[in-house]
Amino acid sequence: MSDSFLTAASRSTIFSVDETRPSIVEVTGALAGRYELQERYEDGSVLLGPDTSLKATLGPGERLASSKEFKAAFGDLPTGSD
């Protein structure tokens, strides 16, 4: 592991951002971003990966459409049994 990575990691803070998915965390500082907790080790270290959830892909000011908004935009979608 490079010294620059260790230095960046030591200046970062991790906190949970989604009570419904406690494995999603926000990192502030040099490694800022949303991550998913991949592994938690006995020595207290963790392995984080990028948060690839739909919510994480939304840009500033964007939100998920309500079911009513979705239906207005796309109509009734086929269910596969039609």
C-alpha atoms as a PDB file:
ATOM      1  CA  MET A   1       0.000   0.000   0.000  1.00  0.00           C
ATOM      2  CA  SER A   2       1.374   3.410  -0.896  1.00  0.00           C
ATOM      3  CA  ASP A   3       2.220   6.038   1.718  1.00  0.00           C
ATOM      4  CA  SER A   4      -0.062   8.543  -0.041  1.00  0.00           C
ATOM      5  CA  PHE A   5      -3.039   6.163   0.368  1.00  0.00           C
ATOM      6  CA  LEU A   6      -2.309   5.674   4.072  1.00  0.00           C
ATOM      7  CA  THR A   7      -2.001   9.429   4.569  1.00  0.00           C
ATOM      8  CA  ALA A   8      -5.305  10.056   2.766  1.00  0.00           C
ATOM      9  CA  ALA A   9      -7.046   7.339   4.755  1.00  0.00           C
ATOM     10  CA  SER A  10      -5.839   8.779   8.055  1.00  0.00           C
ATOM     11  CA  ARG A  11      -7.494  12.123   7.187  1.00  0.00           C
ATOM     12  CA  SER A  12     -10.881  10.568   6.391  1.00  0.00           C
ATOM     13  CA  THR A  13     -13.949   9.990   8.544  1.00  0.00           C
ATOM     14  CA  ILE A  14     -16.563   7.285   7.961  1.00  0.00           C
ATOM     15  CA  PHE A  15     -20.194   7.516   9.092  1.00  0.00           C
ATOM     16  CA  SER A  16     -23.441   5.707   8.219  1.00  0.00           C
ATOM     17  CA  VAL A  17     -25.791   7.593   5.888  1.00  0.00           C
ATOM     18  CA  ASP A  18     -28.767   5.271   5.442  1.00  0.00           C
ATOM     19  CA  GLU A  19     -30.549   3.706   8.419  1.00  0.00           C
ATOM     20  CA  THR A  20     -32.268   1.202   6.121  1.00  0.00           C
ATOM     21  CA  ARG A  21     -28.920   0.047   4.713  1.00  0.00           C
ATOM     22  CA  PRO A  22     -26.297   0.328   7.470  1.00  0.00           C
ATOM     23  CA  SER A  23     -23.635  -0.982   5.105  1.00  0.00           C
ATOM     24  CA  ILE A  24     -23.763   2.301   3.135  1.00  0.00           C
ATOM     25  CA  VAL A  25     -21.341   4.847   4.552  1.00  0.00           C
ATOM     26  CA  GLU A  26     -20.173   8.345   3.701  1.00  0.00           C
ATOM     27  CA  VAL A  27     -16.462   9.078   3.809  1.00  0.00           C
ATOM     28  CA  THR A  28     -15.332  12.673   4.300  1.00  0.00           C
ATOM     29  CA  GLY A  29     -11.895  14.097   3.781  1.00  0.00           C
ATOM     30  CA  ALA A  30      -9.363  12.981   1.195  1.00  0.00           C
ATOM     31  CA  LEU A  31     -11.398   9.890   0.220  1.00  0.00           C
ATOM     32  CA  ALA A  32     -14.804  11.637   0.174  1.00  0.00           C
ATOM     33  CA  GLY A  33     -17.751   9.736  -1.273  1.00  0.00           C
ATOM     34  CA  ARG A  34     -20.420   7.109  -0.627  1.00  0.00           C
ATOM     35  CA  TYR A  35     -19.213   3.565  -0.190  1.00  0.00           C
ATOM     36  CA  GLU A  36     -20.608   0.140   0.680  1.00  0.00           C
ATOM     37  CA  LEU A  37     -19.026  -1.787   3.526  1.00  0.00           C
ATOM     38  CA  GLN A  38     -17.713  -4.990   1.901  1.00  0.00           C
ATOM     39  CA  GLU A  39     -15.872  -6.617   4.815  1.00  0.00           C
ATOM     40  CA  ARG A  40     -15.244  -5.922   8.488  1.00  0.00           C
ATOM     41  CA  TYR A  41     -12.174  -7.601  10.004  1.00  0.00           C
ATOM     42  CA  GLU A  42     -11.401  -8.652  13.581  1.00  0.00           C
ATOM     43  CA  ASP A  43      -8.612  -6.063  13.865  1.00  0.00           C
ATOM     44  CA  GLY A  44     -11.150  -3.271  13.189  1.00  0.00           C
ATOM     45  CA  SER A  45     -10.122  -2.595   9.601  1.00  0.00           C
ATOM     46  CA  VAL A  46     -12.746  -2.472   6.868  1.00  0.00           C
ATOM     47  CA  LEU A  47     -12.913  -2.988   3.130  1.00  0.00           C
ATOM     48  CA  LEU A  48     -15.048  -0.443   1.265  1.00  0.00           C
ATOM     49  CA  GLY A  49     -16.310  -0.577  -2.309  1.00  0.00           C
ATOM     50  CA  PRO A  50     -18.186   2.016  -4.364  1.00  0.00           C
ATOM     51  CA  ASP A  51     -21.890   2.464  -3.588  1.00  0.00           C
ATOM     52  CA  THR A  52     -23.583   1.386  -6.822  1.00  0.00           C
ATOM     53  CA  SER A  53     -27.162   1.665  -5.543  1.00  0.00           C
ATOM     54  CA  LEU A  54     -29.729   3.568  -7.607  1.00  0.00           C
ATOM     55  CA  LYS A  55     -29.876   6.262  -4.938  1.00  0.00           C
ATOM     56  CA  ALA A  56     -26.106   6.783  -5.208  1.00  0.00           C
ATOM     57  CA  THR A  57     -26.338   7.469  -8.943  1.00  0.00           C
ATOM     58  CA  LEU A  58     -28.630  10.483  -8.505  1.00  0.00           C
ATOM     59  CA  GLY A  59     -27.059  13.853  -9.112  1.00  0.00           C
ATOM     60  CA  PRO A  60     -27.431  16.987  -6.988  1.00  0.00           C
ATOM     61  CA  GLY A  61     -31.101  17.989  -6.745  1.00  0.00           C
ATOM     62  CA  GLU A  62     -32.305  14.729  -8.347  1.00  0.00           C
ATOM     63  CA  ARG A  63     -34.631  12.245  -6.653  1.00  0.00           C
ATOM     64  CA  LEU A  64     -36.378   8.985  -7.435  1.00  0.00           C
ATOM     65  CA  ALA A  65     -39.727   9.392  -9.187  1.00  0.00           C
ATOM     66  CA  SER A  66     -42.872   8.475  -7.277  1.00  0.00           C
ATOM     67  CA  SER A  67     -44.922   5.612  -8.719  1.00  0.00           C
ATOM     68  CA  LYS A  68     -47.480   8.185  -9.931  1.00  0.00           C
ATOM     69  CA  GLU A  69     -44.771  10.226 -11.720  1.00  0.00           C
ATOM     70  CA  PHE A  70     -43.253   7.082 -13.218  1.00  0.00           C
ATOM     71  CA  LYS A  71     -46.620   5.910 -14.563  1.00  0.00           C
ATOM     72  CA  ALA A  72     -47.335   9.378 -16.010  1.00  0.00           C
ATOM     73  CA  ALA A  73     -44.003   9.317 -17.850  1.00  0.00           C
ATOM     74  CA  PHE A  74     -43.949   5.695 -19.030  1.00  0.00           C
ATOM     75  CA  GLY A  75     -47.530   4.397 -18.782  1.00  0.00           C
ATOM     76  CA  ASP A  76     -48.286   0.802 -17.895  1.00  0.00           C
ATOM     77  CA  LEU A  77     -45.251  -1.367 -18.491  1.00  0.00           C
ATOM     78  CA  PRO A  78     -45.593  -4.989 -19.572  1.00  0.00           C
ATOM     79  CA  THR A  79     -45.322  -7.428 -16.687  1.00  0.00           C
ATOM     80  CA  GLY A  80     -44.050 -10.403 -18.638  1.00  0.00           C
ATOM     81  CA  SER A  81     -47.294 -12.307 -18.168  1.00  0.00           C
ATOM     82  CA  ASP A  82     -49.147 -10.294 -20.828  1.00  0.00           C
END
